[in-house]
């Protein structure tokens, strides 16, 4: 069973593929100065881009772990998430409040998906 690592640095790989399963590293927004709606939107755009590069898409998500800086952002983040997830294709999901790596970050996501055969 081969492990494929894509966009690898000394610290991490952005994508790891193993046995038909795709693991993405944590994804954050494109501009941390924006509000939670924009941060969530651009974070999910990055997930779409990486899944495509890895040979999958949001229809094949298996699980998602979402980290929010404060649960006061939960409803606004969910509004974007609910519009993004294909109907009937929601993955297993956890959402937790977490201290972020940078003060301006409001949300981060880590996903696992099935490779499209």
N, C-alpha and C. Protein backbone atom coordinates (compact mmCIF):
# COMPACT_ATOMS: atom_id res chain seq x y z
N UNK A 1 0.83 -1.18 0.00
CA UNK A 1 0.00 0.00 0.00
C UNK A 1 0.88 1.24 0.00
N UNK A 2 0.82 1.95 -1.09
CA UNK A 2 1.65 3.13 -1.24
C UNK A 2 0.97 4.36 -0.63
N UNK A 3 1.76 5.21 -0.02
CA UNK A 3 1.28 6.49 0.48
C UNK A 3 1.82 7.57 -0.44
N UNK A 4 0.92 8.41 -0.96
CA UNK A 4 1.32 9.50 -1.83
C UNK A 4 1.16 10.82 -1.07
N UNK A 5 2.20 11.61 -1.05
CA UNK A 5 2.17 12.91 -0.38
C UNK A 5 2.33 14.00 -1.44
N UNK A 6 1.44 15.00 -1.39
CA UNK A 6 1.42 16.06 -2.38
C UNK A 6 1.62 17.40 -1.67
N UNK A 7 2.45 18.26 -2.28
CA UNK A 7 2.78 19.57 -1.70
C UNK A 7 3.34 19.38 -0.29
N UNK A 8 4.43 18.66 -0.23
CA UNK A 8 5.06 18.30 1.04
C UNK A 8 6.19 19.25 1.39
N UNK A 9 6.23 19.65 2.65
CA UNK A 9 7.33 20.45 3.19
C UNK A 9 7.94 19.67 4.36
N UNK A 10 8.89 20.26 5.03
CA UNK A 10 9.50 19.60 6.18
C UNK A 10 8.48 19.37 7.30
N UNK A 11 7.47 20.23 7.38
CA UNK A 11 6.49 20.18 8.47
C UNK A 11 5.28 19.32 8.17
N UNK A 12 4.78 19.37 6.92
CA UNK A 12 3.53 18.67 6.61
C UNK A 12 3.34 18.53 5.11
N UNK A 13 2.36 17.71 4.76
CA UNK A 13 1.88 17.59 3.39
C UNK A 13 0.49 18.19 3.33
N UNK A 14 0.20 18.92 2.26
CA UNK A 14 -1.15 19.49 2.13
C UNK A 14 -2.17 18.40 1.81
N UNK A 15 -1.72 17.36 1.10
CA UNK A 15 -2.59 16.24 0.73
C UNK A 15 -1.82 14.95 0.96
N UNK A 16 -2.49 13.97 1.56
CA UNK A 16 -1.93 12.62 1.68
C UNK A 16 -2.99 11.66 1.18
N UNK A 17 -2.57 10.75 0.28
CA UNK A 17 -3.48 9.76 -0.28
C UNK A 17 -2.98 8.36 0.12
N UNK A 18 -3.94 7.53 0.57
CA UNK A 18 -3.59 6.16 0.95
C UNK A 18 -4.80 5.27 0.75
N UNK A 19 -4.63 4.24 -0.04
CA UNK A 19 -5.65 3.22 -0.20
C UNK A 19 -7.03 3.80 -0.55
N UNK A 20 -7.07 4.79 -1.45
CA UNK A 20 -8.32 5.37 -1.90
C UNK A 20 -8.91 6.43 -0.99
N UNK A 21 -8.16 6.79 0.06
CA UNK A 21 -8.63 7.82 0.99
C UNK A 21 -7.71 9.03 0.90
N UNK A 22 -8.30 10.22 0.93
CA UNK A 22 -7.58 11.48 0.81
C UNK A 22 -7.71 12.24 2.12
N UNK A 23 -6.57 12.69 2.63
CA UNK A 23 -6.52 13.47 3.86
C UNK A 23 -5.96 14.85 3.52
N UNK A 24 -6.68 15.89 3.90
CA UNK A 24 -6.18 17.25 3.69
C UNK A 24 -5.69 17.82 5.01
N UNK A 25 -4.61 18.58 4.95
CA UNK A 25 -4.17 19.29 6.14
C UNK A 25 -5.20 20.38 6.45
N UNK A 26 -5.10 20.97 7.60
CA UNK A 26 -6.02 22.03 7.99
C UNK A 26 -6.00 23.18 7.00
N UNK A 27 -7.18 23.64 6.61
CA UNK A 27 -7.31 24.74 5.67
C UNK A 27 -7.93 25.94 6.37
N UNK A 28 -7.37 27.10 6.08
CA UNK A 28 -7.90 28.35 6.61
C UNK A 28 -8.26 29.26 5.44
N UNK A 29 -8.76 30.42 5.76
CA UNK A 29 -9.22 31.37 4.74
C UNK A 29 -8.08 31.94 3.91
N UNK A 30 -8.46 32.65 2.86
CA UNK A 30 -7.47 33.34 2.02
C UNK A 30 -7.09 34.70 2.59
N UNK A 31 -7.98 35.33 3.37
CA UNK A 31 -7.72 36.65 3.95
C UNK A 31 -8.28 36.69 5.37
N UNK A 32 -7.41 36.65 6.34
CA UNK A 32 -7.82 36.59 7.75
C UNK A 32 -8.39 37.90 8.27
N UNK A 33 -8.36 38.94 7.46
CA UNK A 33 -8.93 40.22 7.90
C UNK A 33 -10.44 40.28 7.63
N UNK A 34 -10.97 39.29 6.95
CA UNK A 34 -12.40 39.28 6.60
C UNK A 34 -13.23 38.70 7.75
N UNK A 35 -14.56 38.80 7.62
CA UNK A 35 -15.45 38.28 8.66
C UNK A 35 -15.61 36.76 8.53
N UNK A 36 -16.36 36.15 9.45
CA UNK A 36 -16.50 34.70 9.49
C UNK A 36 -17.14 34.15 8.22
N UNK A 37 -18.07 34.88 7.64
CA UNK A 37 -18.71 34.41 6.40
C UNK A 37 -17.70 34.32 5.28
N UNK A 38 -16.92 35.35 5.08
CA UNK A 38 -15.91 35.35 4.02
C UNK A 38 -14.79 34.36 4.33
N UNK A 39 -14.37 34.28 5.58
CA UNK A 39 -13.32 33.31 5.93
C UNK A 39 -13.79 31.89 5.66
N UNK A 40 -15.02 31.58 6.02
CA UNK A 40 -15.54 30.22 5.78
C UNK A 40 -15.66 29.96 4.28
N UNK A 41 -16.15 30.92 3.53
CA UNK A 41 -16.32 30.76 2.09
C UNK A 41 -14.99 30.48 1.41
N UNK A 42 -13.97 31.27 1.70
CA UNK A 42 -12.68 31.07 1.01
C UNK A 42 -11.95 29.84 1.52
N UNK A 43 -12.17 29.47 2.77
CA UNK A 43 -11.61 28.23 3.30
C UNK A 43 -12.17 27.04 2.53
N UNK A 44 -13.47 27.03 2.31
CA UNK A 44 -14.10 25.93 1.57
C UNK A 44 -13.71 25.93 0.10
N UNK A 45 -13.45 27.10 -0.48
CA UNK A 45 -12.93 27.17 -1.85
C UNK A 45 -11.57 26.46 -1.92
N UNK A 46 -10.73 26.65 -0.91
CA UNK A 46 -9.43 25.98 -0.88
C UNK A 46 -9.60 24.46 -0.75
N UNK A 47 -10.58 24.03 0.03
CA UNK A 47 -10.87 22.60 0.14
C UNK A 47 -11.26 22.06 -1.22
N UNK A 48 -12.15 22.76 -1.93
CA UNK A 48 -12.55 22.33 -3.28
C UNK A 48 -11.34 22.17 -4.20
N UNK A 49 -10.45 23.16 -4.18
CA UNK A 49 -9.26 23.13 -5.04
C UNK A 49 -8.36 21.95 -4.71
N UNK A 50 -8.12 21.70 -3.43
CA UNK A 50 -7.25 20.59 -3.04
C UNK A 50 -7.88 19.24 -3.33
N UNK A 51 -9.17 19.12 -3.09
CA UNK A 51 -9.85 17.86 -3.41
C UNK A 51 -9.77 17.56 -4.90
N UNK A 52 -9.97 18.58 -5.73
CA UNK A 52 -9.86 18.38 -7.18
C UNK A 52 -8.45 17.92 -7.54
N UNK A 53 -7.45 18.58 -6.97
CA UNK A 53 -6.07 18.20 -7.25
C UNK A 53 -5.78 16.76 -6.83
N UNK A 54 -6.45 16.31 -5.76
CA UNK A 54 -6.23 14.96 -5.23
C UNK A 54 -7.06 13.89 -5.92
N UNK A 55 -8.02 14.31 -6.76
CA UNK A 55 -8.86 13.33 -7.46
C UNK A 55 -10.16 13.04 -6.75
N UNK A 56 -10.74 14.06 -6.11
CA UNK A 56 -12.00 13.89 -5.42
C UNK A 56 -12.80 15.19 -5.50
N UNK A 57 -13.88 15.26 -4.74
CA UNK A 57 -14.68 16.48 -4.65
C UNK A 57 -15.53 16.42 -3.39
N UNK A 58 -16.29 17.48 -3.14
CA UNK A 58 -17.07 17.57 -1.90
C UNK A 58 -18.20 16.54 -1.84
N UNK A 59 -18.57 15.93 -2.95
CA UNK A 59 -19.56 14.87 -2.96
C UNK A 59 -19.02 13.58 -2.34
N UNK A 60 -17.70 13.51 -2.17
CA UNK A 60 -17.06 12.30 -1.66
C UNK A 60 -16.41 12.50 -0.28
N UNK A 61 -16.84 13.55 0.43
CA UNK A 61 -16.32 13.78 1.78
C UNK A 61 -16.76 12.66 2.71
N UNK A 62 -15.83 12.21 3.54
CA UNK A 62 -16.14 11.20 4.55
C UNK A 62 -16.31 11.83 5.92
N UNK A 63 -15.40 12.76 6.25
CA UNK A 63 -15.49 13.43 7.54
C UNK A 63 -14.90 14.83 7.46
N UNK A 64 -15.33 15.67 8.39
CA UNK A 64 -14.81 17.03 8.49
C UNK A 64 -14.72 17.39 9.97
N UNK A 65 -13.63 18.03 10.33
CA UNK A 65 -13.49 18.60 11.66
C UNK A 65 -13.30 20.09 11.48
N UNK A 66 -14.20 20.86 12.07
CA UNK A 66 -14.17 22.31 11.94
C UNK A 66 -13.81 22.91 13.29
N UNK A 67 -12.85 23.82 13.24
CA UNK A 67 -12.40 24.52 14.44
C UNK A 67 -12.82 25.98 14.30
N UNK A 68 -13.57 26.49 15.28
CA UNK A 68 -13.95 27.90 15.27
C UNK A 68 -13.34 28.58 16.48
N UNK A 69 -12.95 29.81 16.27
CA UNK A 69 -12.30 30.57 17.34
C UNK A 69 -13.23 30.74 18.54
N UNK A 70 -14.50 30.92 18.27
CA UNK A 70 -15.48 31.15 19.33
C UNK A 70 -16.83 30.64 18.82
N UNK A 71 -17.60 30.00 19.65
CA UNK A 71 -18.89 29.46 19.22
C UNK A 71 -19.90 30.55 18.86
N UNK A 72 -19.59 31.80 19.14
CA UNK A 72 -20.46 32.88 18.69
C UNK A 72 -20.48 32.96 17.16
N UNK A 73 -19.51 32.35 16.49
CA UNK A 73 -19.43 32.31 15.02
C UNK A 73 -20.14 31.09 14.43
N UNK A 74 -20.62 30.20 15.27
CA UNK A 74 -21.15 28.91 14.84
C UNK A 74 -22.28 29.05 13.80
N UNK A 75 -23.28 29.87 14.07
CA UNK A 75 -24.42 30.00 13.15
C UNK A 75 -24.01 30.57 11.80
N UNK A 76 -23.18 31.59 11.79
CA UNK A 76 -22.75 32.20 10.53
C UNK A 76 -21.88 31.22 9.73
N UNK A 77 -21.01 30.50 10.42
CA UNK A 77 -20.19 29.50 9.74
C UNK A 77 -21.08 28.41 9.15
N UNK A 78 -22.07 27.94 9.93
CA UNK A 78 -22.97 26.89 9.45
C UNK A 78 -23.80 27.33 8.26
N UNK A 79 -24.16 28.60 8.17
CA UNK A 79 -24.92 29.09 7.02
C UNK A 79 -24.12 28.89 5.73
N UNK A 80 -22.83 29.17 5.77
CA UNK A 80 -21.96 28.96 4.61
C UNK A 80 -21.78 27.47 4.36
N UNK A 81 -21.49 26.72 5.41
CA UNK A 81 -21.29 25.27 5.30
C UNK A 81 -22.52 24.60 4.69
N UNK A 82 -23.71 24.93 5.20
CA UNK A 82 -24.94 24.29 4.73
C UNK A 82 -25.19 24.56 3.25
N UNK A 83 -24.84 25.74 2.77
CA UNK A 83 -24.99 26.07 1.35
C UNK A 83 -23.95 25.35 0.49
N UNK A 84 -22.80 25.02 1.07
CA UNK A 84 -21.69 24.40 0.34
C UNK A 84 -21.84 22.89 0.23
N UNK A 85 -22.31 22.23 1.28
CA UNK A 85 -22.40 20.76 1.28
C UNK A 85 -23.54 20.32 0.37
N UNK A 86 -23.24 19.40 -0.57
CA UNK A 86 -24.30 18.91 -1.45
C UNK A 86 -25.40 18.20 -0.65
N UNK A 87 -26.65 18.46 -1.01
CA UNK A 87 -27.77 17.85 -0.31
C UNK A 87 -27.65 16.33 -0.32
N UNK A 88 -27.83 15.74 0.84
CA UNK A 88 -27.74 14.29 0.98
C UNK A 88 -26.33 13.74 1.02
N UNK A 89 -25.32 14.62 0.99
CA UNK A 89 -23.92 14.18 0.93
C UNK A 89 -23.10 14.67 2.14
N UNK A 90 -23.76 15.06 3.21
CA UNK A 90 -23.05 15.60 4.38
C UNK A 90 -22.14 14.53 4.98
N UNK A 91 -20.90 14.90 5.28
CA UNK A 91 -19.97 13.95 5.90
C UNK A 91 -20.22 13.84 7.40
N UNK A 92 -19.58 12.87 8.03
CA UNK A 92 -19.51 12.87 9.49
C UNK A 92 -18.78 14.16 9.86
N UNK A 93 -19.22 14.85 10.92
CA UNK A 93 -18.62 16.15 11.21
C UNK A 93 -18.53 16.40 12.70
N UNK A 94 -17.46 17.07 13.08
CA UNK A 94 -17.30 17.58 14.44
C UNK A 94 -16.96 19.06 14.32
N UNK A 95 -17.43 19.84 15.28
CA UNK A 95 -17.12 21.27 15.30
C UNK A 95 -16.77 21.63 16.73
N UNK A 96 -15.59 22.21 16.90
CA UNK A 96 -15.12 22.54 18.25
C UNK A 96 -14.59 23.96 18.30
N UNK A 97 -14.68 24.57 19.47
CA UNK A 97 -14.04 25.87 19.69
C UNK A 97 -12.57 25.60 19.96
N UNK A 98 -11.71 26.41 19.36
CA UNK A 98 -10.27 26.17 19.49
C UNK A 98 -9.48 27.47 19.43
N UNK A 99 -8.36 27.48 20.12
CA UNK A 99 -7.44 28.60 20.00
C UNK A 99 -6.75 28.46 18.64
N UNK A 100 -6.77 29.52 17.86
CA UNK A 100 -6.25 29.46 16.50
C UNK A 100 -4.75 29.79 16.47
N UNK A 101 -4.09 29.38 15.40
CA UNK A 101 -2.65 29.60 15.25
C UNK A 101 -2.29 31.08 15.12
N UNK A 102 -3.20 31.84 14.52
CA UNK A 102 -3.03 33.30 14.41
C UNK A 102 -4.29 33.97 14.95
N UNK A 103 -4.13 35.08 15.60
CA UNK A 103 -5.24 35.79 16.25
C UNK A 103 -6.39 36.11 15.30
N UNK A 104 -6.09 36.50 14.07
CA UNK A 104 -7.13 36.92 13.13
C UNK A 104 -7.95 35.77 12.55
N UNK A 105 -7.45 34.56 12.62
CA UNK A 105 -8.18 33.41 12.07
C UNK A 105 -9.40 33.10 12.91
N UNK A 106 -10.52 32.88 12.23
CA UNK A 106 -11.77 32.58 12.92
C UNK A 106 -12.22 31.14 12.74
N UNK A 107 -11.73 30.47 11.68
CA UNK A 107 -12.19 29.12 11.37
C UNK A 107 -11.11 28.34 10.61
N UNK A 108 -11.06 27.04 10.84
CA UNK A 108 -10.15 26.13 10.14
C UNK A 108 -10.87 24.80 9.98
N UNK A 109 -10.53 24.08 8.91
CA UNK A 109 -11.17 22.79 8.66
C UNK A 109 -10.14 21.75 8.23
N UNK A 110 -10.38 20.53 8.64
CA UNK A 110 -9.59 19.38 8.18
C UNK A 110 -10.59 18.35 7.67
N UNK A 111 -10.35 17.83 6.46
CA UNK A 111 -11.31 16.88 5.88
C UNK A 111 -10.63 15.61 5.41
N UNK A 112 -11.43 14.56 5.33
CA UNK A 112 -11.04 13.27 4.77
C UNK A 112 -12.08 12.96 3.70
N UNK A 113 -11.61 12.49 2.54
CA UNK A 113 -12.52 12.20 1.43
C UNK A 113 -12.12 10.91 0.74
N UNK A 114 -13.05 10.32 0.03
CA UNK A 114 -12.79 9.15 -0.80
C UNK A 114 -12.31 9.63 -2.16
N UNK A 115 -11.34 8.91 -2.69
CA UNK A 115 -10.86 9.20 -4.05
C UNK A 115 -11.90 8.73 -5.03
N UNK A 116 -12.12 9.52 -6.10
CA UNK A 116 -13.06 9.11 -7.15
C UNK A 116 -12.33 8.11 -8.03
N UNK A 117 -12.94 6.94 -8.21
CA UNK A 117 -12.26 5.93 -9.02
C UNK A 117 -12.53 6.09 -10.49
